[in-house]
Protein backbone atom coordinates (compact mmCIF):
# COMPACT_ATOMS: atom_id res chain seq x y z
CA MET A 1 -3.27 -18.46 -12.16
CA ARG A 2 -3.06 -16.62 -9.37
CA LYS A 3 -4.88 -13.63 -7.62
CA LEU A 4 -3.30 -10.29 -6.58
CA LEU A 5 -5.83 -7.18 -4.75
CA LEU A 6 -4.92 -3.76 -4.81
CA THR A 7 -6.31 -1.23 -2.16
CA GLY A 8 -6.33 2.82 -2.88
CA PHE A 9 -7.67 5.04 -0.49
CA GLU A 10 -10.04 7.72 -1.01
CA PRO A 11 -9.12 11.55 -1.10
CA PHE A 12 -8.32 12.95 2.56
CA ASP A 13 -7.09 16.12 3.79
CA GLY A 14 -8.69 18.61 1.55
CA GLU A 15 -8.35 16.91 -1.49
CA THR A 16 -10.59 15.96 -4.04
CA ILE A 17 -8.25 13.06 -5.64
CA ASN A 18 -6.27 10.29 -4.15
CA PRO A 19 -3.50 9.46 -6.30
CA SER A 20 -3.49 5.50 -5.20
CA LEU A 21 -7.59 5.35 -5.90
CA GLU A 22 -6.67 7.29 -9.64
CA THR A 23 -3.96 4.96 -10.03
CA ALA A 24 -6.39 1.80 -8.42
CA ARG A 25 -9.29 2.57 -11.05
CA ALA A 26 -7.10 3.10 -14.23
CA ILE A 27 -5.72 -0.36 -13.07
CA ALA A 28 -9.17 -2.25 -13.22
CA PRO A 29 -9.91 -2.52 -16.73
CA LEU A 30 -6.48 -3.89 -17.16
CA ARG A 31 -5.46 -7.60 -18.13
CA PHE A 32 -2.41 -9.56 -16.42
CA GLU A 33 -1.10 -12.49 -18.03
CA GLY A 34 -1.07 -15.08 -14.81
CA GLY A 35 -2.77 -13.46 -12.95
CA GLY A 36 -6.40 -11.93 -11.73
CA VAL A 37 -5.87 -8.68 -10.91
CA GLU A 38 -8.74 -6.74 -7.87
CA THR A 39 -9.10 -3.17 -6.49
CA LEU A 40 -10.70 -1.92 -3.08
CA GLN A 41 -11.10 1.60 -2.29
CA LEU A 42 -10.43 2.33 1.28
CA PRO A 43 -12.04 4.83 3.73
CA VAL A 44 -9.54 7.08 5.64
CA ASP A 45 -10.82 5.82 8.87
CA ARG A 46 -8.14 3.86 11.49
CA PHE A 47 -10.65 1.62 12.17
CA ARG A 48 -12.61 0.59 9.18
CA ALA A 49 -9.60 0.16 6.72
CA PRO A 50 -8.28 -2.34 7.74
CA GLU A 51 -11.06 -4.94 7.96
CA ILE A 52 -12.03 -4.42 4.61
CA VAL A 53 -8.81 -5.25 3.38
CA LEU A 54 -8.92 -8.92 5.97
CA ALA A 55 -13.19 -8.83 4.93
CA ARG A 56 -11.38 -9.43 1.28
CA ALA A 57 -9.12 -11.55 1.68
CA ARG A 58 -11.05 -13.97 4.14
CA THR A 59 -13.26 -14.50 1.16
CA TRP A 60 -11.68 -13.63 -2.39
CA ARG A 61 -8.35 -15.55 -0.97
CA PRO A 62 -6.15 -13.58 -2.55
CA ASP A 63 -2.22 -15.25 -3.52
CA VAL A 64 -0.79 -11.32 -2.94
CA ILE A 65 -2.01 -8.30 -1.67
CA LEU A 66 -0.63 -5.01 -2.39
CA MET A 67 -1.55 -1.95 -0.65
CA LEU A 68 -0.90 2.01 -1.95
CA GLY A 69 -1.60 5.10 -0.20
CA GLU A 70 -0.14 8.92 -0.91
CA ALA A 71 2.97 10.31 -0.03
CA ARG A 72 2.63 14.08 -0.71
CA SER A 73 5.96 14.84 0.40
CA ARG A 74 7.95 12.05 -2.07
CA PHE A 75 8.95 12.43 -5.17
CA ARG A 76 9.90 8.73 -6.01
CA VAL A 77 7.63 5.27 -5.91
CA THR A 78 8.94 3.70 -2.93
CA PRO A 79 7.70 0.26 -1.91
CA GLU A 80 7.53 0.21 1.60
CA ARG A 81 10.18 -2.25 3.75
CA VAL A 82 8.15 -2.48 7.36
CA ALA A 83 5.31 -1.57 9.01
CA ILE A 84 5.06 -0.38 13.06
CA ASN A 85 2.93 -1.02 15.53
CA VAL A 86 2.13 2.61 16.27
CA ASP A 87 -0.68 5.10 15.42
CA ASP A 88 0.36 8.78 15.61
CA TYR A 89 -1.52 10.98 13.54
CA VAL A 90 -0.63 14.68 13.46
CA ILE A 91 -4.15 15.31 11.69
CA PRO A 92 -7.21 13.57 11.99
CA ASP A 93 -8.74 10.99 9.54
CA ASN A 94 -11.72 11.39 7.91
CA ALA A 95 -13.76 9.85 10.70
CA GLY A 96 -12.43 12.10 12.85
CA ASN A 97 -10.30 9.72 15.23
CA GLN A 98 -6.45 11.52 15.54
CA PRO A 99 -4.15 8.85 17.77
CA ARG A 100 -1.64 9.66 19.74
CA ASN A 101 1.83 7.57 19.90
CA GLU A 102 -1.26 4.52 21.07
CA PRO A 103 0.08 1.14 19.63
CA ILE A 104 -2.06 -0.57 16.64
CA ALA A 105 -2.13 -3.73 18.61
CA VAL A 106 -1.70 -3.77 22.02
CA ASP A 107 -0.76 -8.03 21.97
CA GLY A 108 1.39 -7.88 17.94
CA PRO A 109 4.77 -7.54 17.50
CA ALA A 110 6.54 -4.30 16.93
CA ALA A 111 6.62 -4.62 13.05
CA TYR A 112 6.13 -6.40 10.52
CA PHE A 113 8.11 -6.78 7.06
CA SER A 114 6.65 -6.85 3.84
CA THR A 115 6.27 -9.61 2.28
CA LEU A 116 6.60 -8.75 -1.42
CA PRO A 117 9.65 -8.60 -3.44
CA ILE A 118 10.56 -5.06 -2.90
CA VAL A 119 14.36 -5.12 -4.03
CA ALA A 120 12.34 -6.42 -7.57
CA ILE A 121 9.40 -4.17 -7.78
CA ALA A 122 12.19 -1.22 -7.17
CA GLU A 123 14.69 -2.39 -9.50
CA GLY A 124 11.91 -3.18 -12.12
CA LEU A 125 10.72 0.41 -11.97
CA VAL A 126 13.92 2.39 -12.24
CA ALA A 127 15.12 -0.04 -14.54
CA ALA A 128 11.56 1.30 -16.71
CA ASN A 129 12.82 4.68 -15.69
CA ILE A 130 10.50 5.33 -12.92
CA PRO A 131 11.81 7.27 -10.12
CA ALA A 132 11.68 4.40 -6.91
CA ALA A 133 13.46 3.41 -4.03
CA ILE A 134 12.51 0.96 -0.73
CA SER A 135 11.72 3.35 1.97
CA ASN A 136 11.98 2.22 5.98
CA THR A 137 9.82 3.84 7.14
CA ALA A 138 5.73 3.78 6.29
CA GLY A 139 5.09 6.94 8.43
CA THR A 140 2.00 6.83 11.72
CA TYR A 141 -0.60 7.49 9.70
CA LEU A 142 -2.79 5.46 7.94
CA CYS A 143 -0.95 3.81 5.03
CA ASN A 144 1.01 2.17 8.48
CA ARG A 145 -2.30 1.74 10.21
CA VAL A 146 -3.73 0.08 6.88
CA PHE A 147 -0.66 -1.93 6.67
CA TYR A 148 0.63 -2.92 10.06
CA GLY A 149 -3.13 -4.31 10.53
CA VAL A 150 -3.44 -6.37 7.28
CA MET A 151 -0.34 -8.43 8.21
CA HIS A 152 -1.57 -8.62 11.78
CA GLY A 153 -4.11 -10.24 10.28
CA ILE A 154 -2.44 -12.64 8.28
CA ALA A 155 -0.15 -13.33 10.99
CA ARG A 156 -3.05 -13.95 13.70
CA GLU A 157 -5.56 -15.64 11.00
CA GLY A 158 -2.82 -17.47 8.91
CA LEU A 159 -4.04 -15.75 5.46
CA PRO A 160 -1.78 -17.96 2.56
CA CYS A 161 -1.39 -14.89 1.17
CA ARG A 162 1.96 -12.16 0.50
CA ALA A 163 1.22 -8.41 1.21
CA GLY A 164 3.10 -5.28 1.67
CA PHE A 165 2.71 -1.87 0.77
CA MET A 166 3.92 1.34 -2.22
CA HIS A 167 3.27 4.55 -1.77
CA VAL A 168 3.02 6.87 -4.25
CA PRO A 169 3.50 10.44 -4.66
CA ALA A 170 1.17 13.17 -5.38
CA ILE A 171 -0.25 13.72 -9.08
CA HIS A 172 0.03 16.58 -11.31
CA GLU A 173 -3.25 18.17 -10.96
CA GLN A 174 -2.88 18.47 -6.57
CA ALA A 175 -0.26 20.62 -7.83
CA VAL A 176 0.19 22.29 -10.79
CA GLY A 177 -1.64 26.37 -10.07
CA LYS A 178 -2.03 24.87 -6.38
CA ARG A 179 1.10 23.97 -4.69
CA ASN A 180 4.12 24.47 -7.41
CA ASP A 181 6.45 23.40 -4.47
CA LEU A 182 4.41 19.64 -4.19
CA PRO A 183 6.69 17.26 -6.07
CA SER A 184 4.59 15.28 -8.28
CA VAL A 185 4.31 12.81 -11.33
CA SER A 186 1.77 12.14 -14.45
CA ARG A 187 -1.12 9.71 -13.55
CA ALA A 188 0.17 7.32 -16.33
CA THR A 189 4.01 6.91 -15.12
CA LEU A 190 1.77 5.90 -11.16
CA VAL A 191 -0.31 3.19 -13.72
CA GLU A 192 3.02 1.95 -15.25
CA ALA A 193 4.35 1.77 -12.24
CA ALA A 194 1.74 -0.22 -10.44
CA ARG A 195 1.20 -2.45 -13.81
CA LEU A 196 5.12 -3.43 -13.12
CA ALA A 197 5.13 -3.93 -9.49
CA ILE A 198 2.05 -5.87 -10.45
CA GLU A 199 3.52 -7.70 -12.56
CA VAL A 200 6.75 -8.64 -10.21
CA CYS A 201 4.38 -9.76 -8.03
CA LEU A 202 2.42 -12.36 -10.06
CA ARG A 203 5.95 -13.43 -11.68
CA GLU A 204 7.93 -13.88 -8.59
CA VAL A 205 5.93 -14.48 -5.74
CA SER A 206 6.45 -18.39 -5.38
CA SER A 207 3.81 -20.91 -5.91
CA GLU A 208 4.46 -22.07 -1.73
CA ARG A 209 2.08 -19.13 -0.04
CA GLU A 210 4.64 -17.60 3.31
CA PRO A 211 2.53 -15.97 6.06
CA ALA A 212 3.20 -12.36 7.40
CA ARG A 213 6.41 -12.49 9.71
CA ALA A 214 7.52 -10.21 12.79
CA ALA A 215 10.03 -8.34 12.85
CA THR A 216 12.70 -9.80 14.72
CA THR A 217 14.52 -6.04 15.76
CA VAL A 218 13.30 -2.34 15.15
């Protein structure tokens, strides 16, 4: 039986909820054919968050790590293609860190590609009438930091798992009556999107485990 680790972030930037964490919490009690899913809450902290994921990966040894994060301005669910080696925060994280134009890993490659089946995920979501598309930028804030940091840890330590990141839009509670121009979707839509993405990963990630790979060009 394959194992999948699903992560979501705590609220940040004045919000009281984070749709990535709300989605992970809703997924936690579900059961999946052919695989077990564990969920993990991450702090919005540039140093702690990647290490929490890697620490669990070392002990639980998941076959797949699917990291979720909030992209407040997006109206689609977006599996990310690539993580880049830069921290450049427009706002501080919850621990007060605000690096500007700093490398995540001085000795690391410029980027890592996702090792998840992102095309199959995006196509599966669209087929289920969920707005979705592959994204070619995870930004330069915590989502990219965790995405890159986890991929770098997998590559450096030779951990036998695939990993990648998927951004989700805001949910209606973050917009209605507060920010009416903010794109948002329902909780049910995000839970269904995550459920389908997990099913794709469990089905399509081969039993031959592949480590993270560095991008050759950026």
